[in-house]
Amino acid sequence: MSDLLAERLIRDVPDFPKPGILFKDITPVLASYPAMREVIDRIVEYARPMKPDVVVGIESRGFVLGMPVAMALEVGFVPVRKLG
């Protein structure tokens, strides 16, 4: 079992959206302030030494996670949409 709250909250959804895919449902993480704080802090800790000018978030999870990371790093945020 992981020491990270976020990892314990992620739910596996087999065969979604189609057979053979194991979807990782992060909704319980998003609903938990301590888990989200943990995730954002870890990403910021990883990214800070790289001194980014901007954080790019690819929809849709990237939007949710990218903005607070950008704010913590005090840089801009650019949302990127998938084609279609």
Protein backbone atom coordinates (compact mmCIF):
# COMPACT_ATOMS: atom_id res chain seq x y z
CA MET A 1 0.00 0.00 0.00
CA SER A 2 1.28 3.45 -0.89
CA ASP A 3 2.10 6.12 1.66
CA LEU A 4 0.55 8.70 -0.65
CA LEU A 5 -3.08 9.52 0.07
CA ALA A 6 -3.70 10.33 -3.59
CA GLU A 7 -2.52 6.91 -4.75
CA ARG A 8 -4.80 5.21 -2.25
CA LEU A 9 -7.79 7.20 -3.51
CA ILE A 10 -7.35 6.53 -7.25
CA ARG A 11 -9.94 4.00 -8.37
CA ASP A 12 -9.37 1.44 -11.15
CA VAL A 13 -12.29 1.06 -13.56
CA PRO A 14 -11.70 -2.00 -15.76
CA ASP A 15 -12.90 -2.10 -19.35
CA PHE A 16 -13.72 1.61 -19.53
CA PRO A 17 -14.30 3.22 -21.94
CA LYS A 18 -13.85 -0.03 -23.86
CA PRO A 19 -12.75 -3.62 -23.16
CA GLY A 20 -9.07 -3.97 -22.33
CA ILE A 21 -8.67 -0.43 -20.96
CA LEU A 22 -8.01 0.15 -17.25
CA PHE A 23 -9.25 3.68 -16.54
CA LYS A 24 -7.78 5.50 -13.55
CA ASP A 25 -10.57 7.50 -11.89
CA ILE A 26 -9.02 10.50 -10.10
CA THR A 27 -12.37 11.95 -9.00
CA PRO A 28 -11.83 10.92 -5.35
CA VAL A 29 -8.48 12.74 -5.42
CA LEU A 30 -10.11 15.88 -6.81
CA ALA A 31 -12.70 15.74 -4.02
CA SER A 32 -10.04 15.59 -1.30
CA TYR A 33 -8.15 18.79 -0.43
CA PRO A 34 -5.30 16.88 1.32
CA ALA A 35 -4.87 14.55 -1.67
CA MET A 36 -4.93 17.40 -4.20
CA ARG A 37 -2.46 19.39 -2.09
CA GLU A 38 -0.19 16.33 -2.06
CA VAL A 39 -0.40 15.91 -5.85
CA ILE A 40 0.17 19.60 -6.61
CA ASP A 41 3.07 19.82 -4.15
CA ARG A 42 4.74 16.79 -5.75
CA ILE A 43 4.38 18.16 -9.27
CA VAL A 44 5.68 21.57 -8.19
CA GLU A 45 8.63 19.95 -6.41
CA TYR A 46 9.47 18.10 -9.64
CA ALA A 47 8.98 21.08 -11.97
CA ARG A 48 10.51 23.94 -9.96
CA PRO A 49 14.18 23.06 -10.68
CA MET A 50 13.40 23.23 -14.42
CA LYS A 51 12.35 26.89 -14.02
CA PRO A 52 9.41 26.75 -16.44
CA ASP A 53 8.08 29.93 -18.04
CA VAL A 54 4.62 28.46 -18.45
CA VAL A 55 2.64 25.33 -17.59
CA VAL A 56 0.73 23.68 -20.43
CA GLY A 57 -2.28 21.57 -19.47
CA ILE A 58 -3.75 19.13 -21.97
CA GLU A 59 -7.49 18.61 -21.51
CA SER A 60 -9.13 17.59 -19.41
CA ARG A 61 -7.10 16.41 -16.44
CA GLY A 62 -4.32 18.76 -17.47
CA PHE A 63 -6.67 21.71 -16.99
CA VAL A 64 -7.54 20.62 -13.46
CA LEU A 65 -3.96 19.92 -12.39
CA GLY A 66 -2.08 22.45 -14.50
CA MET A 67 -3.63 25.65 -13.19
CA PRO A 68 -2.79 25.14 -9.50
CA VAL A 69 0.72 24.02 -10.49
CA ALA A 70 1.20 27.18 -12.55
CA MET A 71 -0.07 29.30 -9.67
CA ALA A 72 2.32 27.63 -7.21
CA LEU A 73 5.21 28.18 -9.64
CA GLU A 74 4.04 31.77 -10.26
CA VAL A 75 4.01 31.28 -14.03
CA GLY A 76 1.36 31.40 -16.73
CA PHE A 77 -0.96 28.59 -17.72
CA VAL A 78 -1.89 27.57 -21.27
CA PRO A 79 -4.80 25.16 -21.75
CA VAL A 80 -4.45 22.93 -24.81
CA ARG A 81 -7.40 21.17 -26.40
CA LYS A 82 -7.27 17.87 -28.24
CA LEU A 83 -8.11 17.85 -31.94
CA GLY A 84 -11.76 17.35 -32.72
